[in-house]
Structures are given as C-alpha cells and as structure tokens.
Amino acid sequence: MPDDSDKTGKGDRATSSSDGGSSGSGSGDKARQEPVDPRPVSYKGIDVTANYDLKLADHPPRPVEGDESGVSWGSGDFYFYREDLFDDEKVGSANGKLVVLKNSQKGSLETCRQETRFTETIALEQLTSGSQICVLSKAGHIGVVTYRGRSGPNDPSRYIAIDVTVWRNAEEAQES
C-alpha cells in the first residue's frame, strides 16, 4: 500500500501548484459552482501482452487476459490484440472510444474531452513511438496512452510498451 500514497502524493503536488490562483472573491464563488476536475495519475512502463487488456479504474492499471469472448468483445478500456493467422496487430477499446492525437496535440484531459474523431480500433502500424491516444471509457474515466514501442522479433512474447495517464471519474458514466 505505500505505493498508492506515493502516487497520490505526486498528483497532490502537481495539482496544488495549479490551485494557487483561486483566492479572489469572484473566483471562489465560481469554483464552488463548477465541478473540480480529477487529479491525473501517471503510470510508466506498462507492457501489455497480446490479447490482454487494461481497465482505467484499476490502480495501478495492470494487464489482464481477455475473458472467454476475447479482448475485442470484453470489458477492457484499452487492449492490444494480435491475430496470428493474418499477423494483424491493433489496439482498441471494448468499453469506450479511442482518438489518435495529431503530432501537434498534447494529450490532456481538455484535449481528450474536446476531440470527436472516435474509433474503436487502431492498427499498430499507424503508431510510432510517442504517439498518444485518448481513451474515453464508458465508466467515465479518461486516459492518455503514450505508445512507446513493441517487442522485438526475437522476443518470446508479443507485447507493446505504453505509459498511461488517467483521470478517474472525469465524466458521467454511460448506461450500458
């Protein structure tokens, strides 16, 4: 459990520095009326094995094997899928929407809320190291996945390396 407090502590420091300007009389009233955005929590160096998925609600997000129906029809917010027969590799969401950000965009809560170029899957060949993907889960969590690369041809398993920043409960959950 000490790791949880360390990660929360980092988020507290990052957020407290941005909250310093809300001491004016008018801005205090406005702050009470608007909901406060959740604090981001970042996780670096997650290896997602082929046919495994992540749920943004998990702390930390840890790849789990897709259920019997497979990752494409499962409940993961973000998955890596590989079909051996056609050598088809893609990332996707079985529980939300994805948006590949343009190189000129920076992955943030605001950017992910504004973008509407939704898809459910992205071919791995469309991504390069540093590509960012907004993940908008039906549960109301928003994440930015930064693609870092894939396993080498001589590696015994197929996986992708990612970093993830999550804003939990950033939106209202959708009814299923």
Protein backbone atom coordinates (compact mmCIF):
# COMPACT_ATOMS: atom_id res chain seq x y z
CA MET A 1 0.00 0.00 0.00
CA PRO A 2 2.87 2.54 0.34
CA ASP A 3 2.99 2.80 -3.46
CA ASP A 4 -0.58 4.14 -3.54
CA SER A 5 0.28 7.01 -1.21
CA ASP A 6 3.39 7.81 -3.24
CA LYS A 7 1.40 8.06 -6.48
CA THR A 8 -1.34 10.09 -4.84
CA GLY A 9 1.29 12.35 -3.32
CA LYS A 10 2.74 13.13 -6.73
CA GLY A 11 -0.70 14.06 -8.03
CA ASP A 12 -1.31 16.25 -4.97
CA ARG A 13 1.86 18.26 -5.59
CA ALA A 14 1.09 18.75 -9.27
CA THR A 15 -2.46 19.84 -8.57
CA SER A 16 -1.76 22.09 -5.59
CA SER A 17 0.56 24.27 -7.64
CA SER A 18 -2.20 24.96 -10.18
CA ASP A 19 -4.82 25.73 -7.50
CA GLY A 20 -2.88 28.66 -6.06
CA GLY A 21 -4.72 31.34 -8.04
CA SER A 22 -8.25 30.75 -6.72
CA SER A 23 -8.14 33.10 -3.72
CA GLY A 24 -10.01 36.04 -5.33
CA SER A 25 -13.56 36.75 -4.14
CA GLY A 26 -15.19 36.21 -7.56
CA SER A 27 -13.24 33.08 -8.45
CA GLY A 28 -14.13 31.39 -5.15
CA ASP A 29 -17.85 31.61 -5.97
CA LYS A 30 -17.24 30.27 -9.47
CA ALA A 31 -15.13 27.37 -8.16
CA ARG A 32 -17.98 26.23 -5.92
CA GLN A 33 -20.38 26.08 -8.88
CA GLU A 34 -18.16 24.17 -11.32
CA PRO A 35 -17.14 20.57 -10.68
CA VAL A 36 -13.46 20.09 -9.92
CA ASP A 37 -11.53 18.02 -12.45
CA PRO A 38 -9.95 14.87 -11.05
CA ARG A 39 -6.22 14.73 -10.50
CA PRO A 40 -4.19 12.85 -13.11
CA VAL A 41 -2.29 9.76 -12.06
CA SER A 42 0.52 8.56 -14.34
CA TYR A 43 1.95 5.08 -14.77
CA LYS A 44 5.10 4.48 -16.79
CA GLY A 45 6.45 1.37 -18.48
CA ILE A 46 3.40 -0.88 -18.72
CA ASP A 47 3.92 -3.87 -21.02
CA VAL A 48 0.63 -5.10 -22.49
CA THR A 49 0.92 -8.64 -23.85
CA ALA A 50 -1.04 -9.59 -26.98
CA ASN A 51 -4.70 -10.33 -26.21
CA TYR A 52 -4.57 -8.64 -22.82
CA ASP A 53 -6.43 -5.53 -21.75
CA LEU A 54 -6.37 -2.75 -19.17
CA LYS A 55 -9.10 -1.08 -17.15
CA LEU A 56 -8.50 2.56 -16.30
CA ALA A 57 -10.28 2.13 -12.94
CA ASP A 58 -7.56 -0.24 -11.70
CA HIS A 59 -4.85 1.33 -9.53
CA PRO A 60 -2.36 0.66 -10.99
CA PRO A 61 -3.72 -0.46 -14.36
CA ARG A 62 -2.42 -3.97 -14.84
CA PRO A 63 -2.87 -6.05 -18.00
CA VAL A 64 -5.31 -8.93 -17.58
CA GLU A 65 -6.08 -11.67 -20.04
CA GLY A 66 -9.19 -11.09 -22.11
CA ASP A 67 -12.19 -13.11 -20.99
CA GLU A 68 -13.67 -16.03 -22.95
CA SER A 69 -15.18 -13.74 -25.57
CA GLY A 70 -11.78 -12.20 -26.33
CA VAL A 71 -10.37 -8.72 -25.84
CA SER A 72 -12.29 -7.22 -28.76
CA TRP A 73 -15.61 -8.08 -27.11
CA GLY A 74 -14.53 -7.99 -23.49
CA SER A 75 -14.75 -5.20 -20.95
CA GLY A 76 -11.29 -3.61 -21.18
CA ASP A 77 -10.87 0.12 -21.70
CA PHE A 78 -7.70 -0.46 -23.74
CA TYR A 79 -6.36 -3.66 -25.29
CA PHE A 80 -3.61 -4.99 -27.55
CA TYR A 81 -4.80 -7.63 -29.99
CA ARG A 82 -2.77 -9.88 -32.25
CA GLU A 83 -4.18 -12.42 -34.68
CA ASP A 84 -1.50 -14.92 -35.69
CA LEU A 85 -3.14 -16.11 -38.91
CA PHE A 86 -3.04 -12.72 -40.65
CA ASP A 87 -0.37 -11.12 -38.43
CA ASP A 88 -2.96 -8.45 -37.62
CA GLU A 89 -1.95 -6.24 -34.66
CA LYS A 90 -4.09 -3.47 -33.25
CA VAL A 91 -5.03 -1.61 -30.12
CA GLY A 92 -8.61 -0.92 -29.23
CA SER A 93 -11.29 -0.38 -26.65
CA ALA A 94 -14.09 -2.80 -25.84
CA ASN A 95 -15.52 -0.38 -23.27
CA GLY A 96 -15.21 3.05 -24.82
CA LYS A 97 -13.75 5.13 -27.61
CA LEU A 98 -10.25 6.00 -28.79
CA VAL A 99 -8.82 9.07 -30.51
CA VAL A 100 -5.33 9.12 -32.01
CA LEU A 101 -3.95 12.58 -31.36
CA LYS A 102 -2.14 14.52 -34.05
CA ASN A 103 1.57 15.16 -33.53
CA SER A 104 0.80 18.84 -32.85
CA GLN A 105 -1.58 17.94 -29.98
CA LYS A 106 -0.60 17.29 -26.38
CA GLY A 107 -2.53 14.60 -24.55
CA SER A 108 -4.51 16.22 -21.73
CA LEU A 109 -7.91 15.98 -20.09
CA GLU A 110 -9.08 19.06 -22.01
CA THR A 111 -7.85 17.73 -25.36
CA CYS A 112 -9.48 14.33 -24.83
CA ARG A 113 -12.79 15.94 -23.85
CA GLN A 114 -12.79 18.12 -26.98
CA GLU A 115 -11.78 15.57 -29.63
CA THR A 116 -14.50 13.75 -31.56
CA ARG A 117 -12.51 11.70 -34.11
CA PHE A 118 -13.57 8.47 -32.38
CA THR A 119 -12.65 4.93 -33.31
CA GLU A 120 -12.73 1.57 -31.55
CA THR A 121 -9.52 0.12 -33.03
CA ILE A 122 -6.20 1.39 -34.38
CA ALA A 123 -3.78 -0.67 -36.45
CA LEU A 124 -0.44 -0.88 -34.67
CA GLU A 125 1.34 0.09 -37.89
CA GLN A 126 -0.32 3.54 -37.62
CA LEU A 127 1.53 4.28 -34.36
CA THR A 128 5.08 5.44 -33.82
CA SER A 129 6.98 5.80 -30.56
CA GLY A 130 5.47 8.77 -28.74
CA SER A 131 2.02 8.52 -30.40
CA GLN A 132 -0.70 9.49 -27.95
CA ILE A 133 -4.19 8.01 -27.79
CA CYS A 134 -7.13 9.35 -25.78
CA VAL A 135 -9.14 6.59 -24.15
CA LEU A 136 -12.67 7.54 -23.09
CA SER A 137 -14.22 4.70 -21.10
CA LYS A 138 -17.95 4.16 -20.70
CA ALA A 139 -17.31 4.13 -16.94
CA GLY A 140 -16.39 7.83 -17.11
CA HIS A 141 -12.60 7.54 -16.87
CA ILE A 142 -10.37 9.34 -19.37
CA GLY A 143 -6.82 8.29 -20.13
CA VAL A 144 -3.95 9.22 -22.39
CA VAL A 145 -1.95 6.23 -23.57
CA THR A 146 1.51 7.03 -24.93
CA TYR A 147 2.79 4.27 -27.21
CA ARG A 148 6.48 3.54 -26.60
CA GLY A 149 7.07 0.59 -28.94
CA ARG A 150 6.64 -3.14 -29.37
CA SER A 151 8.57 -6.26 -28.56
CA GLY A 152 11.40 -7.30 -30.85
CA PRO A 153 11.16 -10.11 -33.41
CA ASN A 154 13.23 -12.46 -31.22
CA ASP A 155 11.27 -11.79 -28.03
CA PRO A 156 9.44 -14.88 -26.76
CA SER A 157 6.19 -12.91 -26.31
CA ARG A 158 4.42 -10.20 -28.30
CA TYR A 159 3.68 -7.04 -26.36
CA ILE A 160 3.56 -3.28 -26.58
CA ALA A 161 5.10 -0.82 -24.12
CA ILE A 162 2.96 2.14 -23.02
CA ASP A 163 2.73 4.92 -20.47
CA VAL A 164 -0.73 5.83 -19.16
CA THR A 165 -2.12 8.96 -17.50
CA VAL A 166 -5.60 8.51 -16.02
CA TRP A 167 -8.27 10.96 -14.85
CA ARG A 168 -10.71 8.75 -12.96
CA ASN A 169 -14.40 9.73 -12.92
CA ALA A 170 -13.75 12.65 -15.28
CA GLU A 171 -17.13 12.26 -16.99
CA GLU A 172 -20.52 10.82 -16.15
CA ALA A 173 -20.63 7.05 -16.64
CA GLN A 174 -22.68 5.86 -19.60
CA GLU A 175 -25.52 3.41 -19.20
CA SER A 176 -24.81 0.06 -20.85
